[in-house]
Amino acid sequence: MRKILFAAAAAMLVASPALAKGHMAKWMAGPPGLPAGSTFMVVKGDPGKAGMFTIRAKLPANYTVPPHFHATDEKVSVKDGGPLTYGMGDKIDTSSSASAEKGYHVTMAANMHHWASTTAPTTIEVSAMGPFSITYVNPKDDPRNAK
């Protein structure tokens, strides 16, 4: 059910005809599947539908996306700021983390449990096959469950 709700929300973020004609994309509040504080824009495609899409996200300093996974592979590139710290597993363990600096990327395989965090403002670009989905390892970490 959560995936369906997020897919519906993502569908509302379809790249507009103006974007397709080369006009500036709009930064919006981060999608409901991510912790509050991020902003993003659709660069290409539609994250709510089947097919390739690309989004950019601005993550503030000291931002963390708890352990989660996606149904498809995703390529995450650091475009500005950084670094983006990330790790694999069901818990955040900074002793076994890695980081991606501006100009570098990491590919997260489908269903791979991973997490990410920032210490400084960081802009990332995410490319993947839609529809986008995010499932948190611990449902209590899912911001869509906040009441």
N, C-alpha and C. Protein backbone atom coordinates (compact mmCIF):
# COMPACT_ATOMS: atom_id res chain seq x y z
N MET A 1 0.82 -1.19 0.00
CA MET A 1 0.00 0.00 0.00
C MET A 1 0.86 1.26 0.00
N ARG A 2 1.95 1.27 0.82
CA ARG A 2 2.82 2.44 0.88
C ARG A 2 3.46 2.69 -0.48
N LYS A 3 3.86 1.62 -1.18
CA LYS A 3 4.48 1.79 -2.48
C LYS A 3 3.49 2.40 -3.46
N ILE A 4 2.23 1.98 -3.38
CA ILE A 4 1.21 2.50 -4.28
C ILE A 4 0.99 3.99 -4.01
N LEU A 5 0.93 4.37 -2.73
CA LEU A 5 0.74 5.78 -2.39
C LEU A 5 1.91 6.61 -2.88
N PHE A 6 3.15 6.10 -2.72
CA PHE A 6 4.30 6.86 -3.16
C PHE A 6 4.31 6.96 -4.68
N ALA A 7 3.95 5.87 -5.36
CA ALA A 7 3.91 5.91 -6.82
C ALA A 7 2.89 6.94 -7.29
N ALA A 8 1.76 7.03 -6.60
CA ALA A 8 0.75 8.02 -6.96
C ALA A 8 1.30 9.43 -6.74
N ALA A 9 1.99 9.64 -5.63
CA ALA A 9 2.58 10.96 -5.36
C ALA A 9 3.65 11.28 -6.41
N ALA A 10 4.46 10.30 -6.75
CA ALA A 10 5.50 10.52 -7.75
C ALA A 10 4.88 10.83 -9.11
N ALA A 11 3.75 10.22 -9.40
CA ALA A 11 3.10 10.46 -10.69
C ALA A 11 2.69 11.92 -10.82
N MET A 12 2.40 12.58 -9.69
CA MET A 12 2.02 13.99 -9.74
C MET A 12 3.23 14.87 -10.04
N LEU A 13 4.42 14.29 -9.95
CA LEU A 13 5.64 15.06 -10.17
C LEU A 13 6.19 14.87 -11.57
N VAL A 14 5.33 14.49 -12.48
CA VAL A 14 5.74 14.23 -13.86
C VAL A 14 6.42 15.46 -14.43
N ALA A 15 7.45 15.23 -15.21
CA ALA A 15 8.09 16.35 -15.90
C ALA A 15 7.05 17.03 -16.77
N SER A 16 6.92 18.32 -16.61
CA SER A 16 5.89 19.06 -17.33
C SER A 16 6.28 19.27 -18.78
N PRO A 17 5.31 19.63 -19.62
CA PRO A 17 5.66 19.96 -21.01
C PRO A 17 6.70 21.06 -21.08
N ALA A 18 6.66 22.01 -20.13
CA ALA A 18 7.67 23.08 -20.14
C ALA A 18 9.06 22.51 -19.95
N LEU A 19 9.21 21.54 -19.06
CA LEU A 19 10.51 20.92 -18.84
C LEU A 19 10.95 20.21 -20.11
N ALA A 20 10.04 19.54 -20.77
CA ALA A 20 10.37 18.83 -21.99
C ALA A 20 10.84 19.80 -23.07
N LYS A 21 10.37 21.03 -23.04
CA LYS A 21 10.78 22.02 -24.04
C LYS A 21 12.03 22.77 -23.62
N GLY A 22 12.66 22.37 -22.51
CA GLY A 22 13.92 22.97 -22.12
C GLY A 22 13.83 24.10 -21.12
N HIS A 23 12.64 24.38 -20.59
CA HIS A 23 12.51 25.42 -19.57
C HIS A 23 13.06 24.91 -18.24
N MET A 24 13.29 25.82 -17.34
CA MET A 24 13.84 25.45 -16.03
C MET A 24 12.89 24.54 -15.27
N ALA A 25 13.46 23.53 -14.66
CA ALA A 25 12.68 22.65 -13.79
C ALA A 25 12.48 23.35 -12.45
N LYS A 26 11.46 22.94 -11.71
CA LYS A 26 11.17 23.55 -10.41
C LYS A 26 11.62 22.64 -9.29
N TRP A 27 12.26 23.23 -8.30
CA TRP A 27 12.61 22.50 -7.08
C TRP A 27 11.35 22.43 -6.23
N MET A 28 11.10 21.24 -5.67
CA MET A 28 9.91 21.01 -4.84
C MET A 28 10.35 20.38 -3.52
N ALA A 29 9.49 20.44 -2.53
CA ALA A 29 9.76 19.74 -1.27
C ALA A 29 9.96 18.26 -1.58
N GLY A 30 10.87 17.65 -0.84
CA GLY A 30 11.18 16.24 -1.05
C GLY A 30 9.93 15.37 -1.02
N PRO A 31 9.97 14.24 -1.72
CA PRO A 31 8.80 13.36 -1.76
C PRO A 31 8.51 12.77 -0.39
N PRO A 32 7.27 12.32 -0.17
CA PRO A 32 6.88 11.81 1.16
C PRO A 32 7.64 10.56 1.59
N GLY A 33 8.33 9.89 0.70
CA GLY A 33 9.09 8.70 1.07
C GLY A 33 10.45 9.00 1.67
N LEU A 34 10.88 10.26 1.64
CA LEU A 34 12.17 10.64 2.21
C LEU A 34 11.95 11.49 3.45
N PRO A 35 12.92 11.48 4.37
CA PRO A 35 12.81 12.33 5.56
C PRO A 35 12.65 13.80 5.16
N ALA A 36 11.97 14.56 5.97
CA ALA A 36 11.75 15.98 5.71
C ALA A 36 13.08 16.71 5.58
N GLY A 37 13.08 17.76 4.78
CA GLY A 37 14.25 18.62 4.67
C GLY A 37 14.89 18.63 3.30
N SER A 38 14.62 17.65 2.47
CA SER A 38 15.21 17.62 1.13
C SER A 38 14.30 18.34 0.14
N THR A 39 14.89 18.75 -0.98
CA THR A 39 14.12 19.25 -2.11
C THR A 39 14.58 18.48 -3.33
N PHE A 40 13.74 18.43 -4.35
CA PHE A 40 14.13 17.71 -5.55
C PHE A 40 13.42 18.26 -6.77
N MET A 41 13.91 17.85 -7.94
CA MET A 41 13.25 18.17 -9.20
C MET A 41 13.40 16.99 -10.13
N VAL A 42 12.42 16.82 -11.00
CA VAL A 42 12.47 15.79 -12.03
C VAL A 42 13.27 16.35 -13.19
N VAL A 43 14.31 15.64 -13.58
CA VAL A 43 15.15 16.05 -14.70
C VAL A 43 14.66 15.41 -15.99
N LYS A 44 14.30 14.13 -15.90
CA LYS A 44 13.90 13.40 -17.10
C LYS A 44 12.99 12.25 -16.70
N GLY A 45 11.99 11.99 -17.51
CA GLY A 45 11.10 10.85 -17.27
C GLY A 45 10.07 11.14 -16.21
N ASP A 46 9.49 10.06 -15.70
CA ASP A 46 8.42 10.15 -14.70
C ASP A 46 8.68 9.08 -13.64
N PRO A 47 9.09 9.47 -12.43
CA PRO A 47 9.39 8.48 -11.40
C PRO A 47 8.20 7.62 -11.00
N GLY A 48 6.99 8.04 -11.34
CA GLY A 48 5.80 7.30 -10.97
C GLY A 48 5.36 6.27 -12.00
N LYS A 49 6.09 6.20 -13.12
CA LYS A 49 5.70 5.27 -14.19
C LYS A 49 6.86 4.36 -14.57
N ALA A 50 6.55 3.28 -15.27
CA ALA A 50 7.59 2.37 -15.76
C ALA A 50 8.47 3.13 -16.76
N GLY A 51 9.76 2.89 -16.69
CA GLY A 51 10.70 3.54 -17.59
C GLY A 51 11.77 4.29 -16.83
N MET A 52 12.81 4.68 -17.55
CA MET A 52 13.91 5.41 -16.93
C MET A 52 13.47 6.80 -16.48
N PHE A 53 14.03 7.22 -15.35
CA PHE A 53 13.81 8.59 -14.86
C PHE A 53 15.08 9.07 -14.22
N THR A 54 15.21 10.37 -14.11
CA THR A 54 16.33 11.01 -13.41
C THR A 54 15.77 12.15 -12.59
N ILE A 55 16.18 12.21 -11.33
CA ILE A 55 15.81 13.33 -10.46
C ILE A 55 17.08 13.90 -9.85
N ARG A 56 17.03 15.13 -9.42
CA ARG A 56 18.09 15.73 -8.60
C ARG A 56 17.49 16.03 -7.25
N ALA A 57 18.27 15.83 -6.21
CA ALA A 57 17.81 16.11 -4.85
C ALA A 57 18.87 16.92 -4.12
N LYS A 58 18.42 17.94 -3.41
CA LYS A 58 19.29 18.72 -2.54
C LYS A 58 19.06 18.22 -1.12
N LEU A 59 20.12 17.71 -0.52
CA LEU A 59 20.06 17.19 0.84
C LEU A 59 20.78 18.17 1.75
N PRO A 60 20.16 18.58 2.84
CA PRO A 60 20.81 19.53 3.74
C PRO A 60 21.95 18.86 4.53
N ALA A 61 22.73 19.67 5.21
CA ALA A 61 23.77 19.14 6.09
C ALA A 61 23.13 18.29 7.18
N ASN A 62 23.82 17.26 7.60
CA ASN A 62 23.38 16.38 8.69
C ASN A 62 22.05 15.70 8.38
N TYR A 63 21.87 15.28 7.17
CA TYR A 63 20.66 14.62 6.68
C TYR A 63 20.95 13.13 6.57
N THR A 64 20.00 12.31 6.99
CA THR A 64 20.18 10.86 6.93
C THR A 64 18.93 10.20 6.36
N VAL A 65 19.16 9.28 5.43
CA VAL A 65 18.09 8.40 4.96
C VAL A 65 18.39 7.05 5.59
N PRO A 66 17.55 6.61 6.54
CA PRO A 66 17.81 5.36 7.26
C PRO A 66 17.85 4.15 6.31
N PRO A 67 18.32 3.01 6.81
CA PRO A 67 18.41 1.81 5.97
C PRO A 67 17.11 1.52 5.23
N HIS A 68 17.28 1.29 3.93
CA HIS A 68 16.14 1.08 3.04
C HIS A 68 16.61 0.31 1.82
N PHE A 69 15.68 0.03 0.91
CA PHE A 69 16.04 -0.59 -0.36
C PHE A 69 15.02 -0.19 -1.42
N HIS A 70 15.39 -0.46 -2.67
CA HIS A 70 14.55 -0.12 -3.82
C HIS A 70 14.32 -1.37 -4.65
N ALA A 71 13.27 -1.37 -5.43
CA ALA A 71 12.93 -2.53 -6.28
C ALA A 71 13.82 -2.63 -7.51
N THR A 72 14.48 -1.53 -7.88
CA THR A 72 15.34 -1.54 -9.07
C THR A 72 16.70 -0.94 -8.71
N ASP A 73 17.69 -1.20 -9.56
CA ASP A 73 19.00 -0.57 -9.38
C ASP A 73 18.84 0.94 -9.45
N GLU A 74 19.71 1.66 -8.72
CA GLU A 74 19.73 3.11 -8.85
C GLU A 74 21.16 3.60 -8.87
N LYS A 75 21.42 4.53 -9.77
CA LYS A 75 22.73 5.18 -9.86
C LYS A 75 22.62 6.52 -9.16
N VAL A 76 23.47 6.73 -8.15
CA VAL A 76 23.45 7.97 -7.37
C VAL A 76 24.76 8.70 -7.63
N SER A 77 24.67 9.90 -8.20
CA SER A 77 25.84 10.71 -8.52
C SER A 77 25.84 11.96 -7.65
N VAL A 78 27.00 12.33 -7.13
CA VAL A 78 27.12 13.56 -6.36
C VAL A 78 27.43 14.69 -7.34
N LYS A 79 26.54 15.68 -7.41
CA LYS A 79 26.67 16.79 -8.36
C LYS A 79 27.27 18.04 -7.74
N ASP A 80 27.04 18.25 -6.44
CA ASP A 80 27.54 19.45 -5.78
C ASP A 80 27.64 19.19 -4.29
N GLY A 81 28.57 19.89 -3.64
CA GLY A 81 28.73 19.72 -2.20
C GLY A 81 29.32 18.37 -1.88
N GLY A 82 28.78 17.77 -0.86
CA GLY A 82 29.24 16.45 -0.48
C GLY A 82 30.24 16.50 0.63
N PRO A 83 30.74 15.33 0.97
CA PRO A 83 30.48 14.05 0.32
C PRO A 83 29.14 13.44 0.76
N LEU A 84 28.72 12.43 0.02
CA LEU A 84 27.59 11.60 0.40
C LEU A 84 28.17 10.35 1.05
N THR A 85 27.88 10.16 2.31
CA THR A 85 28.34 8.97 3.02
C THR A 85 27.26 7.91 2.90
N TYR A 86 27.65 6.66 2.67
CA TYR A 86 26.67 5.59 2.51
C TYR A 86 27.25 4.29 3.05
N GLY A 87 26.36 3.37 3.34
CA GLY A 87 26.79 2.06 3.82
C GLY A 87 25.72 1.03 3.52
N MET A 88 26.11 -0.21 3.64
CA MET A 88 25.20 -1.32 3.37
C MET A 88 24.77 -1.96 4.68
N GLY A 89 23.59 -2.55 4.68
CA GLY A 89 23.14 -3.29 5.85
C GLY A 89 21.84 -2.76 6.42
N ASP A 90 21.40 -3.43 7.48
CA ASP A 90 20.12 -3.12 8.11
C ASP A 90 20.23 -2.06 9.19
N LYS A 91 21.45 -1.65 9.53
CA LYS A 91 21.67 -0.62 10.55
C LYS A 91 22.74 0.34 10.06
N ILE A 92 22.69 1.57 10.52
CA ILE A 92 23.72 2.54 10.17
C ILE A 92 24.98 2.18 10.96
N ASP A 93 26.05 1.92 10.24
CA ASP A 93 27.33 1.56 10.84
C ASP A 93 28.41 2.38 10.13
N THR A 94 28.75 3.53 10.71
CA THR A 94 29.71 4.42 10.06
C THR A 94 31.11 3.84 10.00
N SER A 95 31.40 2.81 10.81
CA SER A 95 32.74 2.22 10.76
C SER A 95 32.98 1.44 9.47
N SER A 96 31.90 1.09 8.77
CA SER A 96 32.07 0.37 7.50
C SER A 96 31.43 1.15 6.35
N SER A 97 31.43 2.48 6.46
CA SER A 97 30.81 3.31 5.42
C SER A 97 31.83 3.67 4.34
N ALA A 98 31.31 4.20 3.27
CA ALA A 98 32.13 4.74 2.18
C ALA A 98 31.57 6.12 1.87
N SER A 99 32.24 6.85 0.99
CA SER A 99 31.70 8.15 0.62
C SER A 99 31.96 8.41 -0.85
N ALA A 100 31.08 9.20 -1.42
CA ALA A 100 31.21 9.62 -2.81
C ALA A 100 31.35 11.14 -2.82
N GLU A 101 32.39 11.61 -3.46
CA GLU A 101 32.66 13.04 -3.58
C GLU A 101 32.01 13.58 -4.85
N LYS A 102 31.98 14.89 -4.99
CA LYS A 102 31.45 15.53 -6.20
C LYS A 102 32.13 14.94 -7.43
N GLY A 103 31.32 14.56 -8.41
CA GLY A 103 31.85 13.99 -9.64
C GLY A 103 31.88 12.47 -9.65
N TYR A 104 31.59 11.85 -8.53
CA TYR A 104 31.60 10.39 -8.43
C TYR A 104 30.19 9.86 -8.25
N HIS A 105 30.05 8.56 -8.49
CA HIS A 105 28.74 7.93 -8.31
C HIS A 105 28.89 6.55 -7.70
N VAL A 106 27.76 6.05 -7.24
CA VAL A 106 27.67 4.68 -6.71
C VAL A 106 26.37 4.10 -7.25
N THR A 107 26.40 2.81 -7.57
CA THR A 107 25.19 2.13 -8.01
C THR A 107 24.74 1.20 -6.90
N MET A 108 23.50 1.38 -6.48
CA MET A 108 22.90 0.53 -5.47
C MET A 108 22.05 -0.52 -6.19
N ALA A 109 22.37 -1.78 -5.99
CA ALA A 109 21.65 -2.85 -6.66
C ALA A 109 20.23 -2.98 -6.09
N ALA A 110 19.34 -3.45 -6.92
CA ALA A 110 17.96 -3.69 -6.48
C ALA A 110 17.96 -4.54 -5.23
N ASN A 111 17.12 -4.18 -4.28
CA ASN A 111 16.90 -4.90 -3.02
C ASN A 111 18.10 -4.89 -2.07
N MET A 112 19.16 -4.13 -2.39
CA MET A 112 20.32 -4.01 -1.49
C MET A 112 19.96 -3.06 -0.35
N HIS A 113 20.07 -3.51 0.87
CA HIS A 113 19.79 -2.66 2.03
C HIS A 113 20.95 -1.68 2.18
N HIS A 114 20.63 -0.39 2.20
CA HIS A 114 21.65 0.64 2.31
C HIS A 114 21.08 1.88 3.00
N TRP A 115 21.97 2.78 3.38
CA TRP A 115 21.60 4.04 4.01
C TRP A 115 22.51 5.12 3.45
N ALA A 116 22.16 6.38 3.68
CA ALA A 116 22.99 7.49 3.21
C ALA A 116 22.87 8.66 4.17
N SER A 117 23.94 9.46 4.23
CA SER A 117 23.92 10.64 5.09
C SER A 117 24.85 11.71 4.54
N THR A 118 24.65 12.93 5.05
CA THR A 118 25.49 14.06 4.67
C THR A 118 26.01 14.75 5.93
N THR A 119 27.12 15.44 5.78
CA THR A 119 27.61 16.33 6.84
C THR A 119 27.57 17.78 6.35
N ALA A 120 27.46 17.97 5.04
CA ALA A 120 27.37 19.29 4.42
C ALA A 120 26.27 19.22 3.36
N PRO A 121 25.73 20.36 2.96
CA PRO A 121 24.72 20.32 1.90
C PRO A 121 25.27 19.57 0.67
N THR A 122 24.44 18.72 0.11
CA THR A 122 24.87 17.85 -0.98
C THR A 122 23.76 17.73 -2.01
N THR A 123 24.10 17.91 -3.28
CA THR A 123 23.15 17.71 -4.36
C THR A 123 23.50 16.41 -5.06
N ILE A 124 22.51 15.53 -5.17
CA ILE A 124 22.72 14.25 -5.84
C ILE A 124 21.78 14.14 -7.04
N GLU A 125 22.15 13.26 -7.95
CA GLU A 125 21.29 12.92 -9.07
C GLU A 125 21.05 11.42 -9.00
N VAL A 126 19.80 11.01 -9.11
CA VAL A 126 19.44 9.60 -9.04
C VAL A 126 18.79 9.21 -10.37
N SER A 127 19.33 8.16 -10.98
CA SER A 127 18.75 7.60 -12.21
C SER A 127 18.37 6.16 -11.93
N ALA A 128 17.17 5.79 -12.34
CA ALA A 128 16.69 4.43 -12.09
C ALA A 128 15.52 4.13 -13.02
N MET A 129 15.07 2.90 -12.98
CA MET A 129 13.86 2.50 -13.68
C MET A 129 12.67 2.72 -12.75
N GLY A 130 11.63 3.32 -13.28
CA GLY A 130 10.43 3.52 -12.49
C GLY A 130 9.49 2.33 -12.64
N PRO A 131 8.46 2.29 -11.84
CA PRO A 131 8.13 3.34 -10.88
C PRO A 131 9.04 3.27 -9.65
N PHE A 132 9.40 4.45 -9.14
CA PHE A 132 10.25 4.55 -7.97
C PHE A 132 9.54 3.97 -6.75
N SER A 133 10.28 3.24 -5.96
CA SER A 133 9.75 2.76 -4.68
C SER A 133 10.88 2.78 -3.66
N ILE A 134 10.52 2.99 -2.42
CA ILE A 134 11.49 2.93 -1.32
C ILE A 134 10.81 2.19 -0.17
N THR A 135 11.52 1.20 0.35
CA THR A 135 11.01 0.41 1.47
C THR A 135 12.04 0.49 2.59
N TYR A 136 11.63 0.94 3.75
CA TYR A 136 12.54 1.05 4.89
C TYR A 136 12.66 -0.30 5.58
N VAL A 137 13.89 -0.63 5.99
CA VAL A 137 14.14 -1.88 6.70
C VAL A 137 13.31 -1.91 7.99
N ASN A 138 13.33 -0.80 8.71
CA ASN A 138 12.52 -0.67 9.93
C ASN A 138 11.34 0.25 9.60
N PRO A 139 10.12 -0.27 9.59
CA PRO A 139 8.97 0.56 9.24
C PRO A 139 8.85 1.83 10.09
N LYS A 140 9.40 1.83 11.29
CA LYS A 140 9.35 3.03 12.15
C LYS A 140 10.17 4.18 11.56
N ASP A 141 11.13 3.86 10.68
CA ASP A 141 11.95 4.89 10.04
C ASP A 141 11.26 5.56 8.85
N ASP A 142 10.18 4.98 8.40
CA ASP A 142 9.49 5.48 7.21
C ASP A 142 8.72 6.75 7.55
N PRO A 143 9.09 7.90 6.96
CA PRO A 143 8.40 9.15 7.29
C PRO A 143 6.92 9.13 6.90
N ARG A 144 6.52 8.24 6.02
CA ARG A 144 5.11 8.14 5.64
C ARG A 144 4.28 7.54 6.76
N ASN A 145 4.95 6.93 7.75
CA ASN A 145 4.25 6.34 8.89
C ASN A 145 4.11 7.32 10.06
N ALA A 146 4.71 8.50 9.93
CA ALA A 146 4.65 9.49 11.03
C ALA A 146 3.22 9.95 11.23
N LYS A 147 2.87 10.10 12.47
CA LYS A 147 1.49 10.54 12.78
C LYS A 147 1.53 11.84 13.52
